[in-house]
Each structure stands twice: as structure tokens, then as C-alpha cells.
Amino acid sequence: MTLAFLTAFAVMAMRIVLHLMGTTPEGMDFMLIHFMAIVTIVFFTGERLMRSHHPTGFPDLMREAFRNAAIYALLIGLFTWLFFTTIDTGHFQLRVDDMVERGMAEGQPEAIIRPRLEQFFTPFNYATITFFALMVVSAMLSFVIGLLHHKVLRAFRR
């Protein structure tokens, strides 16, 4: 669990530093960082579990890895909401304005596009989507890396 907290705080610090430098990553650009963080959490959680309790099975490996990755996802989801409501408050307005301009260039009326975009692009929606996407990635990686630990890496421990 400590690894999940430390990794989440490192990713949060990276996000804030990038914002302060004026290089705010857009949407999916930062997901690679989250993906690598979850891989690290899941792998080392399984490694620690196998070192401390040798007779652990696949369900234990997967459950413990997913628990720690879920903590990471929850922390990042909360941070994402806080980040866009307190630190980078103008991000969504700029994004909506840009999309409205593109929509108007295609011939759509602003009165129809703007309310829809402003309703969808909110810090809460963005944080919720981030949380659930990280949970799905966490579940898949817990399964795959749990199998790796159980079937492959266990053989090297004997």
C-alpha cells in the first residue's frame, strides 16, 4: 500500500511541475505515465507478496495487486478533480472554446454546441473517466502480471 501512495504522490508532483513549467499534457498523453505507474505497483506488489508468503496462489497475487492499484486509481481520480477545480481552473473553458470554434467552422450553431460541451467537459466528469479507466487498466494488469508471477516467475524462485 505504501508503494501505491508513493507512486501516486510522485505522479501528482510530476503533473504539478509540468503545469508550472507551462507544459500541461492533454488527456491521453499522460495515460502512459499512469500505465507505467500501475505496472510498477502491480509488479512489485506481487513480488513483495511472493517473497513474504511463498505459498501464495494466483487469486492472492491478483487481489493484492488490484487492491494497491485501486488505491492509486482513487488517489489519482481525487487529485485530477482537485487539480482542475483549484490549480488549472481555465483548462476546460479553453478546451470548450476551441471545440466551439471548430464546430462553428463546420457550420454548427454555437447556441447548440456550447451548452453540450460545457455540460460534458467538467472536472468531475474528467476525474470520473480517469478513475474508471485506471480501474479497468488495473484489473487487466493485475490479471496479466499475476499470471506472470504465478506461472513464470515462481519457477525461478525454486
C-alpha atoms as a PDB file:
ATOM      1  CA  MET A   1       0.000   0.000   0.000  1.00  0.00           C
ATOM      2  CA  THR A   2       2.925   2.314   0.655  1.00  0.00           C
ATOM      3  CA  LEU A   3       4.112   1.838  -2.911  1.00  0.00           C
ATOM      4  CA  ALA A   4       0.713   2.936  -4.233  1.00  0.00           C
ATOM      5  CA  PHE A   5       0.810   6.120  -2.127  1.00  0.00           C
ATOM      6  CA  LEU A   6       4.396   6.945  -3.055  1.00  0.00           C
ATOM      7  CA  THR A   7       3.796   6.338  -6.753  1.00  0.00           C
ATOM      8  CA  ALA A   8       0.598   8.394  -6.725  1.00  0.00           C
ATOM      9  CA  PHE A   9       2.315  11.299  -4.991  1.00  0.00           C
ATOM     10  CA  ALA A  10       5.211  11.137  -7.462  1.00  0.00           C
ATOM     11  CA  VAL A  11       2.791  11.265 -10.412  1.00  0.00           C
ATOM     12  CA  MET A  12       0.872  14.118  -8.776  1.00  0.00           C
ATOM     13  CA  ALA A  13       4.100  16.050  -8.251  1.00  0.00           C
ATOM     14  CA  MET A  14       5.069  15.438 -11.889  1.00  0.00           C
ATOM     15  CA  ARG A  15       1.691  16.758 -13.041  1.00  0.00           C
ATOM     16  CA  ILE A  16       2.024  19.912 -10.934  1.00  0.00           C
ATOM     17  CA  VAL A  17       5.616  20.523 -12.049  1.00  0.00           C
ATOM     18  CA  LEU A  18       4.603  20.138 -15.700  1.00  0.00           C
ATOM     19  CA  HIS A  19       1.772  22.597 -15.148  1.00  0.00           C
ATOM     20  CA  LEU A  20       4.105  25.106 -13.500  1.00  0.00           C
ATOM     21  CA  MET A  21       6.505  24.758 -16.434  1.00  0.00           C
ATOM     22  CA  GLY A  22       3.648  25.560 -18.817  1.00  0.00           C
ATOM     23  CA  THR A  23       3.599  22.101 -20.387  1.00  0.00           C
ATOM     24  CA  THR A  24       0.223  20.692 -19.409  1.00  0.00           C
ATOM     25  CA  PRO A  25      -0.241  17.276 -21.065  1.00  0.00           C
ATOM     26  CA  GLU A  26      -3.523  16.761 -22.875  1.00  0.00           C
ATOM     27  CA  GLY A  27      -5.850  13.879 -21.999  1.00  0.00           C
ATOM     28  CA  MET A  28      -4.352  10.636 -23.206  1.00  0.00           C
ATOM     29  CA  ASP A  29      -0.783  11.979 -23.278  1.00  0.00           C
ATOM     30  CA  PHE A  30      -0.484  11.463 -19.535  1.00  0.00           C
ATOM     31  CA  MET A  31      -2.088   7.998 -19.556  1.00  0.00           C
ATOM     32  CA  LEU A  32       1.243   6.411 -20.460  1.00  0.00           C
ATOM     33  CA  ILE A  33       2.634   7.707 -17.156  1.00  0.00           C
ATOM     34  CA  HIS A  34      -0.359   6.242 -15.318  1.00  0.00           C
ATOM     35  CA  PHE A  35       0.054   2.960 -17.168  1.00  0.00           C
ATOM     36  CA  MET A  36       3.716   2.690 -16.176  1.00  0.00           C
ATOM     37  CA  ALA A  37       2.875   3.611 -12.579  1.00  0.00           C
ATOM     38  CA  ILE A  38       0.242   0.877 -12.378  1.00  0.00           C
ATOM     39  CA  VAL A  39       2.603  -1.674 -13.929  1.00  0.00           C
ATOM     40  CA  THR A  40       5.195  -0.774 -11.290  1.00  0.00           C
ATOM     41  CA  ILE A  41       2.688  -1.013  -8.434  1.00  0.00           C
ATOM     42  CA  VAL A  42       1.222  -4.320  -9.592  1.00  0.00           C
ATOM     43  CA  PHE A  43       4.566  -5.957 -10.331  1.00  0.00           C
ATOM     44  CA  PHE A  44       6.291  -5.007  -7.092  1.00  0.00           C
ATOM     45  CA  THR A  45       3.207  -5.793  -5.012  1.00  0.00           C
ATOM     46  CA  GLY A  46       3.227  -9.329  -6.407  1.00  0.00           C
ATOM     47  CA  GLU A  47       6.974  -9.571  -5.931  1.00  0.00           C
ATOM     48  CA  ARG A  48       6.711  -8.496  -2.287  1.00  0.00           C
ATOM     49  CA  LEU A  49       3.847 -10.917  -1.666  1.00  0.00           C
ATOM     50  CA  MET A  50       5.769 -13.843  -3.140  1.00  0.00           C
ATOM     51  CA  ARG A  51       8.852 -13.037  -1.052  1.00  0.00           C
ATOM     52  CA  SER A  52       6.940 -12.763   2.206  1.00  0.00           C
ATOM     53  CA  HIS A  53       4.477 -15.651   1.785  1.00  0.00           C
ATOM     54  CA  HIS A  54       5.842 -18.288  -0.559  1.00  0.00           C
ATOM     55  CA  PRO A  55       2.696 -20.442  -0.864  1.00  0.00           C
ATOM     56  CA  THR A  56       0.552 -17.606  -2.224  1.00  0.00           C
ATOM     57  CA  GLY A  57      -1.732 -18.536  -5.076  1.00  0.00           C
ATOM     58  CA  PHE A  58      -2.874 -16.721  -8.152  1.00  0.00           C
ATOM     59  CA  PRO A  59      -6.041 -15.259  -6.545  1.00  0.00           C
ATOM     60  CA  ASP A  60      -3.986 -13.777  -3.696  1.00  0.00           C
ATOM     61  CA  LEU A  61      -1.484 -12.251  -6.110  1.00  0.00           C
ATOM     62  CA  MET A  62      -4.213 -10.738  -8.233  1.00  0.00           C
ATOM     63  CA  ARG A  63      -6.304  -9.491  -5.303  1.00  0.00           C
ATOM     64  CA  GLU A  64      -3.409  -7.760  -3.526  1.00  0.00           C
ATOM     65  CA  ALA A  65      -2.111  -6.211  -6.745  1.00  0.00           C
ATOM     66  CA  PHE A  66      -5.553  -4.936  -7.689  1.00  0.00           C
ATOM     67  CA  ARG A  67      -6.127  -3.529  -4.203  1.00  0.00           C
ATOM     68  CA  ASN A  68      -2.962  -1.435  -4.403  1.00  0.00           C
ATOM     69  CA  ALA A  69      -3.638  -0.351  -7.981  1.00  0.00           C
ATOM     70  CA  ALA A  70      -7.182   0.636  -6.973  1.00  0.00           C
ATOM     71  CA  ILE A  71      -5.771   2.836  -4.217  1.00  0.00           C
ATOM     72  CA  TYR A  72      -3.597   4.502  -6.848  1.00  0.00           C
ATOM     73  CA  ALA A  73      -6.616   4.980  -9.141  1.00  0.00           C
ATOM     74  CA  LEU A  74      -8.657   6.504  -6.317  1.00  0.00           C
ATOM     75  CA  LEU A  75      -5.879   8.913  -5.323  1.00  0.00           C
ATOM     76  CA  ILE A  76      -5.305   9.981  -8.923  1.00  0.00           C
ATOM     77  CA  GLY A  77      -9.047  10.415  -9.513  1.00  0.00           C
ATOM     78  CA  LEU A  78      -9.333  12.682  -6.474  1.00  0.00           C
ATOM     79  CA  PHE A  79      -6.203  14.568  -7.464  1.00  0.00           C
ATOM     80  CA  THR A  80      -7.494  15.061 -11.013  1.00  0.00           C
ATOM     81  CA  TRP A  81     -10.683  16.622  -9.698  1.00  0.00           C
ATOM     82  CA  LEU A  82      -8.754  18.842  -7.257  1.00  0.00           C
ATOM     83  CA  PHE A  83      -6.215  19.807  -9.913  1.00  0.00           C
ATOM     84  CA  PHE A  84      -8.827  21.045 -12.357  1.00  0.00           C
ATOM     85  CA  THR A  85     -11.013  22.737  -9.739  1.00  0.00           C
ATOM     86  CA  THR A  86      -8.230  24.573  -7.883  1.00  0.00           C
ATOM     87  CA  ILE A  87      -4.978  24.713  -9.879  1.00  0.00           C
ATOM     88  CA  ASP A  88      -5.824  24.668 -13.591  1.00  0.00           C
ATOM     89  CA  THR A  89      -9.315  26.168 -13.472  1.00  0.00           C
ATOM     90  CA  GLY A  90      -9.304  27.574 -17.006  1.00  0.00           C
ATOM     91  CA  HIS A  91      -8.380  24.337 -18.786  1.00  0.00           C
ATOM     92  CA  PHE A  92     -11.881  23.200 -19.644  1.00  0.00           C
ATOM     93  CA  GLN A  93     -13.067  26.650 -20.709  1.00  0.00           C
ATOM     94  CA  LEU A  94     -10.178  26.907 -23.189  1.00  0.00           C
ATOM     95  CA  ARG A  95     -10.912  23.423 -24.436  1.00  0.00           C
ATOM     96  CA  VAL A  96     -14.631  24.142 -24.888  1.00  0.00           C
ATOM     97  CA  ASP A  97     -13.884  27.441 -26.669  1.00  0.00           C
ATOM     98  CA  ASP A  98     -11.548  25.644 -29.074  1.00  0.00           C
ATOM     99  CA  MET A  99     -14.116  22.943 -29.825  1.00  0.00           C
ATOM    100  CA  VAL A 100     -16.879  25.514 -30.300  1.00  0.00           C
ATOM    101  CA  GLU A 101     -14.711  27.380 -32.826  1.00  0.00           C
ATOM    102  CA  ARG A 102     -14.098  24.171 -34.738  1.00  0.00           C
ATOM    103  CA  GLY A 103     -17.794  23.316 -34.645  1.00  0.00           C
ATOM    104  CA  MET A 104     -18.769  26.758 -35.901  1.00  0.00           C
ATOM    105  CA  ALA A 105     -16.228  26.413 -38.714  1.00  0.00           C
ATOM    106  CA  GLU A 106     -18.114  23.272 -39.743  1.00  0.00           C
ATOM    107  CA  GLY A 107     -21.374  25.208 -39.788  1.00  0.00           C
ATOM    108  CA  GLN A 108     -22.944  24.207 -36.469  1.00  0.00           C
ATOM    109  CA  PRO A 109     -24.614  26.929 -34.367  1.00  0.00           C
ATOM    110  CA  GLU A 110     -22.843  27.989 -31.169  1.00  0.00           C
ATOM    111  CA  ALA A 111     -26.107  28.021 -29.193  1.00  0.00           C
ATOM    112  CA  ILE A 112     -26.401  24.270 -29.637  1.00  0.00           C
ATOM    113  CA  ILE A 113     -22.750  23.180 -29.292  1.00  0.00           C
ATOM    114  CA  ARG A 114     -21.579  25.248 -26.336  1.00  0.00           C
ATOM    115  CA  PRO A 115     -24.122  24.039 -23.726  1.00  0.00           C
ATOM    116  CA  ARG A 116     -23.489  20.404 -24.631  1.00  0.00           C
ATOM    117  CA  LEU A 117     -19.713  20.780 -24.451  1.00  0.00           C
ATOM    118  CA  GLU A 118     -19.828  22.754 -21.196  1.00  0.00           C
ATOM    119  CA  GLN A 119     -22.036  20.086 -19.670  1.00  0.00           C
ATOM    120  CA  PHE A 120     -19.671  17.285 -20.683  1.00  0.00           C
ATOM    121  CA  PHE A 121     -16.242  18.854 -20.126  1.00  0.00           C
ATOM    122  CA  THR A 122     -16.182  19.345 -16.361  1.00  0.00           C
ATOM    123  CA  PRO A 123     -13.540  18.460 -13.761  1.00  0.00           C
ATOM    124  CA  PHE A 124     -15.892  15.900 -12.194  1.00  0.00           C
ATOM    125  CA  ASN A 125     -16.531  14.092 -15.482  1.00  0.00           C
ATOM    126  CA  TYR A 126     -12.836  14.121 -16.330  1.00  0.00           C
ATOM    127  CA  ALA A 127     -11.895  12.742 -12.898  1.00  0.00           C
ATOM    128  CA  THR A 128     -14.597  10.078 -13.103  1.00  0.00           C
ATOM    129  CA  ILE A 129     -13.488   8.931 -16.550  1.00  0.00           C
ATOM    130  CA  THR A 130      -9.864   8.878 -15.377  1.00  0.00           C
ATOM    131  CA  PHE A 131     -10.771   6.836 -12.289  1.00  0.00           C
ATOM    132  CA  PHE A 132     -12.747   4.208 -14.195  1.00  0.00           C
ATOM    133  CA  ALA A 133     -10.162   3.958 -16.975  1.00  0.00           C
ATOM    134  CA  LEU A 134      -7.430   3.408 -14.375  1.00  0.00           C
ATOM    135  CA  MET A 135      -9.565   0.779 -12.638  1.00  0.00           C
ATOM    136  CA  VAL A 136     -10.004  -1.143 -15.906  1.00  0.00           C
ATOM    137  CA  VAL A 137      -6.269  -0.934 -16.619  1.00  0.00           C
ATOM    138  CA  SER A 138      -5.559  -2.015 -13.023  1.00  0.00           C
ATOM    139  CA  ALA A 139      -7.793  -5.067 -13.338  1.00  0.00           C
ATOM    140  CA  MET A 140      -6.220  -6.164 -16.617  1.00  0.00           C
ATOM    141  CA  LEU A 141      -2.667  -5.636 -15.411  1.00  0.00           C
ATOM    142  CA  SER A 142      -3.370  -7.387 -12.105  1.00  0.00           C
ATOM    143  CA  PHE A 143      -4.565 -10.402 -14.058  1.00  0.00           C
ATOM    144  CA  VAL A 144      -1.686 -10.448 -16.560  1.00  0.00           C
ATOM    145  CA  ILE A 145       1.117  -9.733 -14.093  1.00  0.00           C
ATOM    146  CA  GLY A 146      -0.481 -12.080 -11.542  1.00  0.00           C
ATOM    147  CA  LEU A 147      -0.258 -14.838 -14.172  1.00  0.00           C
ATOM    148  CA  LEU A 148       3.324 -13.852 -14.894  1.00  0.00           C
ATOM    149  CA  HIS A 149       4.240 -14.128 -11.213  1.00  0.00           C
ATOM    150  CA  HIS A 150       2.289 -17.328 -10.703  1.00  0.00           C
ATOM    151  CA  LYS A 151       3.321 -19.260 -13.814  1.00  0.00           C
ATOM    152  CA  VAL A 152       6.717 -17.861 -14.861  1.00  0.00           C
ATOM    153  CA  LEU A 153       8.491 -16.069 -12.043  1.00  0.00           C
ATOM    154  CA  ARG A 154       7.549 -18.658  -9.406  1.00  0.00           C
ATOM    155  CA  ALA A 155       9.654 -21.212 -11.319  1.00  0.00           C
ATOM    156  CA  PHE A 156      12.742 -19.047 -10.910  1.00  0.00           C
ATOM    157  CA  ARG A 157      12.263 -18.917  -7.136  1.00  0.00           C
ATOM    158  CA  ARG A 158      12.573 -22.673  -6.652  1.00  0.00           C
END
